[in-house]
C-alpha atoms as a PDB file:
ATOM      1  CA  UNK A   1     108.715  59.765  69.013  1.00  0.00           C
ATOM      2  CA  UNK A   2     106.891  60.898  72.144  1.00  0.00           C
ATOM      3  CA  UNK A   3     108.880  61.292  75.128  1.00  0.00           C
ATOM      4  CA  UNK A   4     107.588  61.864  78.455  1.00  0.00           C
ATOM      5  CA  UNK A   5     109.937  63.090  80.998  1.00  0.00           C
ATOM      6  CA  UNK A   6     110.227  65.390  84.508  1.00  0.00           C
ATOM      7  CA  UNK A   7     110.613  69.140  83.929  1.00  0.00           C
ATOM      8  CA  UNK A   8     113.552  70.067  85.724  1.00  0.00           C
ATOM      9  CA  UNK A   9     115.023  73.088  83.683  1.00  0.00           C
ATOM     10  CA  UNK A  10     113.214  76.346  83.250  1.00  0.00           C
ATOM     11  CA  UNK A  11     114.811  77.661  80.034  1.00  0.00           C
ATOM     12  CA  UNK A  12     112.835  80.834  78.227  1.00  0.00           C
ATOM     13  CA  UNK A  13     111.865  78.142  75.711  1.00  0.00           C
ATOM     14  CA  UNK A  14     109.978  75.917  78.093  1.00  0.00           C
ATOM     15  CA  UNK A  15     108.043  79.154  79.388  1.00  0.00           C
ATOM     16  CA  UNK A  16     106.928  79.858  76.380  1.00  0.00           C
ATOM     17  CA  UNK A  17     105.933  75.912  75.240  1.00  0.00           C
ATOM     18  CA  UNK A  18     103.794  75.928  78.923  1.00  0.00           C
ATOM     19  CA  UNK A  19     102.101  79.481  77.972  1.00  0.00           C
ATOM     20  CA  UNK A  20     101.151  77.897  74.832  1.00  0.00           C
ATOM     21  CA  UNK A  21      99.278  75.215  76.516  1.00  0.00           C
ATOM     22  CA  UNK A  22      97.703  77.046  79.279  1.00  0.00           C
ATOM     23  CA  UNK A  23      95.235  79.059  77.965  1.00  0.00           C
ATOM     24  CA  UNK A  24      94.112  75.913  76.582  1.00  0.00           C
ATOM     25  CA  UNK A  25      93.436  74.096  79.739  1.00  0.00           C
ATOM     26  CA  UNK A  26      91.482  77.047  80.738  1.00  0.00           C
ATOM     27  CA  UNK A  27      91.052  80.380  79.505  1.00  0.00           C
ATOM     28  CA  UNK A  28      91.476  82.088  82.785  1.00  0.00           C
ATOM     29  CA  UNK A  29      94.759  80.472  83.355  1.00  0.00           C
ATOM     30  CA  UNK A  30      97.527  83.466  83.601  1.00  0.00           C
ATOM     31  CA  UNK A  31     100.809  82.913  82.254  1.00  0.00           C
ATOM     32  CA  UNK A  32     103.780  82.058  84.457  1.00  0.00           C
ATOM     33  CA  UNK A  33     106.535  83.837  84.880  1.00  0.00           C
ATOM     34  CA  UNK A  34     110.234  82.541  84.819  1.00  0.00           C
ATOM     35  CA  UNK A  35     110.433  82.888  88.786  1.00  0.00           C
ATOM     36  CA  UNK A  36     106.978  81.038  88.773  1.00  0.00           C
ATOM     37  CA  UNK A  37     108.577  78.232  87.025  1.00  0.00           C
ATOM     38  CA  UNK A  38     111.717  77.915  88.689  1.00  0.00           C
ATOM     39  CA  UNK A  39     109.731  77.794  91.983  1.00  0.00           C
ATOM     40  CA  UNK A  40     107.361  75.018  90.366  1.00  0.00           C
ATOM     41  CA  UNK A  41     110.112  72.997  89.620  1.00  0.00           C
ATOM     42  CA  UNK A  42     111.962  72.987  92.283  1.00  0.00           C
ATOM     43  CA  UNK A  43     109.372  72.429  94.757  1.00  0.00           C
ATOM     44  CA  UNK A  44     109.671  69.246  96.619  1.00  0.00           C
ATOM     45  CA  UNK A  45     106.084  67.741  96.228  1.00  0.00           C
ATOM     46  CA  UNK A  46     105.168  69.153  92.747  1.00  0.00           C
ATOM     47  CA  UNK A  47     106.232  67.121  89.889  1.00  0.00           C
ATOM     48  CA  UNK A  48     105.598  68.619  86.413  1.00  0.00           C
ATOM     49  CA  UNK A  49     105.713  66.061  83.790  1.00  0.00           C
ATOM     50  CA  UNK A  50     106.168  66.999  80.241  1.00  0.00           C
ATOM     51  CA  UNK A  51     105.062  65.219  76.903  1.00  0.00           C
ATOM     52  CA  UNK A  52     107.619  66.240  73.868  1.00  0.00           C
ATOM     53  CA  UNK A  53     107.438  65.053  70.029  1.00  0.00           C
ATOM     54  CA  UNK A  54     109.926  63.972  67.771  1.00  0.00           C
ATOM     55  CA  UNK A  55     111.151  67.675  67.421  1.00  0.00           C
ATOM     56  CA  UNK A  56     111.447  68.312  71.364  1.00  0.00           C
ATOM     57  CA  UNK A  57     108.569  70.447  71.437  1.00  0.00           C
ATOM     58  CA  UNK A  58     106.158  70.276  74.408  1.00  0.00           C
ATOM     59  CA  UNK A  59     102.957  69.401  73.482  1.00  0.00           C
ATOM     60  CA  UNK A  60     101.637  68.141  76.744  1.00  0.00           C
ATOM     61  CA  UNK A  61     101.752  68.795  80.428  1.00  0.00           C
ATOM     62  CA  UNK A  62     100.362  67.540  83.584  1.00  0.00           C
ATOM     63  CA  UNK A  63     101.272  68.408  87.179  1.00  0.00           C
ATOM     64  CA  UNK A  64     101.102  65.601  89.743  1.00  0.00           C
ATOM     65  CA  UNK A  65     101.642  66.878  93.592  1.00  0.00           C
ATOM     66  CA  UNK A  66     102.186  64.354  96.570  1.00  0.00           C
ATOM     67  CA  UNK A  67     101.361  64.805  99.926  1.00  0.00           C
ATOM     68  CA  UNK A  68     102.574  63.287 103.139  1.00  0.00           C
ATOM     69  CA  UNK A  69      99.862  63.432 105.418  1.00  0.00           C
ATOM     70  CA  UNK A  70      99.097  61.466 108.598  1.00  0.00           C
ATOM     71  CA  UNK A  71      97.056  58.849 107.132  1.00  0.00           C
ATOM     72  CA  UNK A  72      99.557  58.258 104.447  1.00  0.00           C
ATOM     73  CA  UNK A  73     100.965  59.607 101.338  1.00  0.00           C
ATOM     74  CA  UNK A  74      98.236  60.932  98.464  1.00  0.00           C
ATOM     75  CA  UNK A  75      98.553  62.547  95.179  1.00  0.00           C
ATOM     76  CA  UNK A  76      96.539  64.898  93.077  1.00  0.00           C
ATOM     77  CA  UNK A  77      96.635  65.943  89.436  1.00  0.00           C
ATOM     78  CA  UNK A  78      96.559  68.775  87.796  1.00  0.00           C
ATOM     79  CA  UNK A  79      96.884  71.104  84.923  1.00  0.00           C
ATOM     80  CA  UNK A  80      96.763  67.989  82.059  1.00  0.00           C
ATOM     81  CA  UNK A  81      96.224  69.510  78.908  1.00  0.00           C
ATOM     82  CA  UNK A  82      97.541  68.550  75.369  1.00  0.00           C
ATOM     83  CA  UNK A  83      97.778  70.936  72.645  1.00  0.00           C
ATOM     84  CA  UNK A  84      95.376  71.334  70.524  1.00  0.00           C
ATOM     85  CA  UNK A  85      96.981  69.981  67.406  1.00  0.00           C
ATOM     86  CA  UNK A  86      98.300  67.073  69.178  1.00  0.00           C
ATOM     87  CA  UNK A  87      95.146  65.690  69.954  1.00  0.00           C
ATOM     88  CA  UNK A  88      93.824  62.549  69.511  1.00  0.00           C
ATOM     89  CA  UNK A  89      96.813  60.461  69.653  1.00  0.00           C
ATOM     90  CA  UNK A  90      96.458  58.962  73.033  1.00  0.00           C
ATOM     91  CA  UNK A  91      99.086  61.523  74.977  1.00  0.00           C
ATOM     92  CA  UNK A  92      96.996  62.448  78.114  1.00  0.00           C
ATOM     93  CA  UNK A  93      96.617  58.505  78.521  1.00  0.00           C
ATOM     94  CA  UNK A  94     100.212  58.311  78.127  1.00  0.00           C
ATOM     95  CA  UNK A  95     100.881  61.281  80.586  1.00  0.00           C
ATOM     96  CA  UNK A  96      98.111  59.962  83.110  1.00  0.00           C
ATOM     97  CA  UNK A  97      99.843  56.031  82.763  1.00  0.00           C
ATOM     98  CA  UNK A  98     103.292  57.725  83.589  1.00  0.00           C
ATOM     99  CA  UNK A  99     101.830  59.453  86.596  1.00  0.00           C
ATOM    100  CA  UNK A 100     100.709  56.609  88.043  1.00  0.00           C
ATOM    101  CA  UNK A 101     103.505  55.034  87.628  1.00  0.00           C
ATOM    102  CA  UNK A 102     105.454  57.774  89.311  1.00  0.00           C
ATOM    103  CA  UNK A 103     103.016  57.837  92.386  1.00  0.00           C
ATOM    104  CA  UNK A 104     103.414  54.177  92.678  1.00  0.00           C
ATOM    105  CA  UNK A 105     106.583  53.942  92.678  1.00  0.00           C
ATOM    106  CA  UNK A 106     106.690  56.794  95.566  1.00  0.00           C
ATOM    107  CA  UNK A 107     103.992  54.464  98.139  1.00  0.00           C
ATOM    108  CA  UNK A 108     100.963  56.713  96.847  1.00  0.00           C
ATOM    109  CA  UNK A 109      97.550  55.488  98.043  1.00  0.00           C
ATOM    110  CA  UNK A 110      95.360  57.414  96.333  1.00  0.00           C
ATOM    111  CA  UNK A 111      95.399  59.848  93.438  1.00  0.00           C
ATOM    112  CA  UNK A 112      92.816  62.497  93.028  1.00  0.00           C
ATOM    113  CA  UNK A 113      91.529  65.372  90.594  1.00  0.00           C
ATOM    114  CA  UNK A 114      88.814  67.350  89.591  1.00  0.00           C
ATOM    115  CA  UNK A 115      87.373  68.086  86.145  1.00  0.00           C
ATOM    116  CA  UNK A 116      84.881  70.394  84.976  1.00  0.00           C
ATOM    117  CA  UNK A 117      82.193  69.117  82.881  1.00  0.00           C
ATOM    118  CA  UNK A 118      82.682  70.614  80.008  1.00  0.00           C
ATOM    119  CA  UNK A 119      86.025  68.975  79.584  1.00  0.00           C
ATOM    120  CA  UNK A 120      83.887  65.983  78.135  1.00  0.00           C
ATOM    121  CA  UNK A 121      86.921  64.356  76.329  1.00  0.00           C
ATOM    122  CA  UNK A 122      89.121  64.787  79.713  1.00  0.00           C
ATOM    123  CA  UNK A 123      86.278  63.067  81.815  1.00  0.00           C
ATOM    124  CA  UNK A 124      85.906  59.980  79.449  1.00  0.00           C
ATOM    125  CA  UNK A 125      89.898  59.766  79.236  1.00  0.00           C
ATOM    126  CA  UNK A 126      89.656  59.812  83.648  1.00  0.00           C
ATOM    127  CA  UNK A 127      86.833  57.082  83.103  1.00  0.00           C
ATOM    128  CA  UNK A 128      88.400  55.323  80.594  1.00  0.00           C
ATOM    129  CA  UNK A 129      91.733  55.000  83.051  1.00  0.00           C
ATOM    130  CA  UNK A 130      89.494  53.735  86.111  1.00  0.00           C
ATOM    131  CA  UNK A 131      89.166  57.165  87.780  1.00  0.00           C
ATOM    132  CA  UNK A 132      85.933  57.181  89.632  1.00  0.00           C
ATOM    133  CA  UNK A 133      83.030  59.875  90.398  1.00  0.00           C
ATOM    134  CA  UNK A 134      83.485  59.984  93.991  1.00  0.00           C
ATOM    135  CA  UNK A 135      80.743  61.397  96.200  1.00  0.00           C
ATOM    136  CA  UNK A 136      82.210  64.153  98.136  1.00  0.00           C
ATOM    137  CA  UNK A 137      81.458  67.637  98.140  1.00  0.00           C
ATOM    138  CA  UNK A 138      84.448  69.982  97.094  1.00  0.00           C
ATOM    139  CA  UNK A 139      84.936  73.198  98.508  1.00  0.00           C
ATOM    140  CA  UNK A 140      86.960  76.273  98.023  1.00  0.00           C
ATOM    141  CA  UNK A 141      87.903  79.055  99.880  1.00  0.00           C
ATOM    142  CA  UNK A 142      89.453  82.059  97.981  1.00  0.00           C
ATOM    143  CA  UNK A 143      92.413  84.036  99.859  1.00  0.00           C
ATOM    144  CA  UNK A 144      92.922  86.581  97.165  1.00  0.00           C
END
């Protein structure tokens, strides 16, 4: 049985599970500290959804950031990752569907995300769910 839930409690085991998922998302991802995890789950704008198996082990996660801006509510999906041992079971789709439903319930008018071209499976998933490539430039200004 698979369960999707919002992460609302920071425990050492939750922190360990997330820190095991992060390198599977990006080789450049740094481990979170307990303080960072507490800050994340107490944020008013960030929702972290985790996917747990029957043994209550976290095997996937997704972050949904909801922003209130003058033109309405928008959302951004980040850090979608399913444990390599649990891939191919549709868990990414389940996480994405859950985030979409949550965004709808909160009055969001659009959800954006980015994905590196090298993440071919993730890109196929997003396109199969109806996400479309936008004609836009994405800019980044590094502060540190």
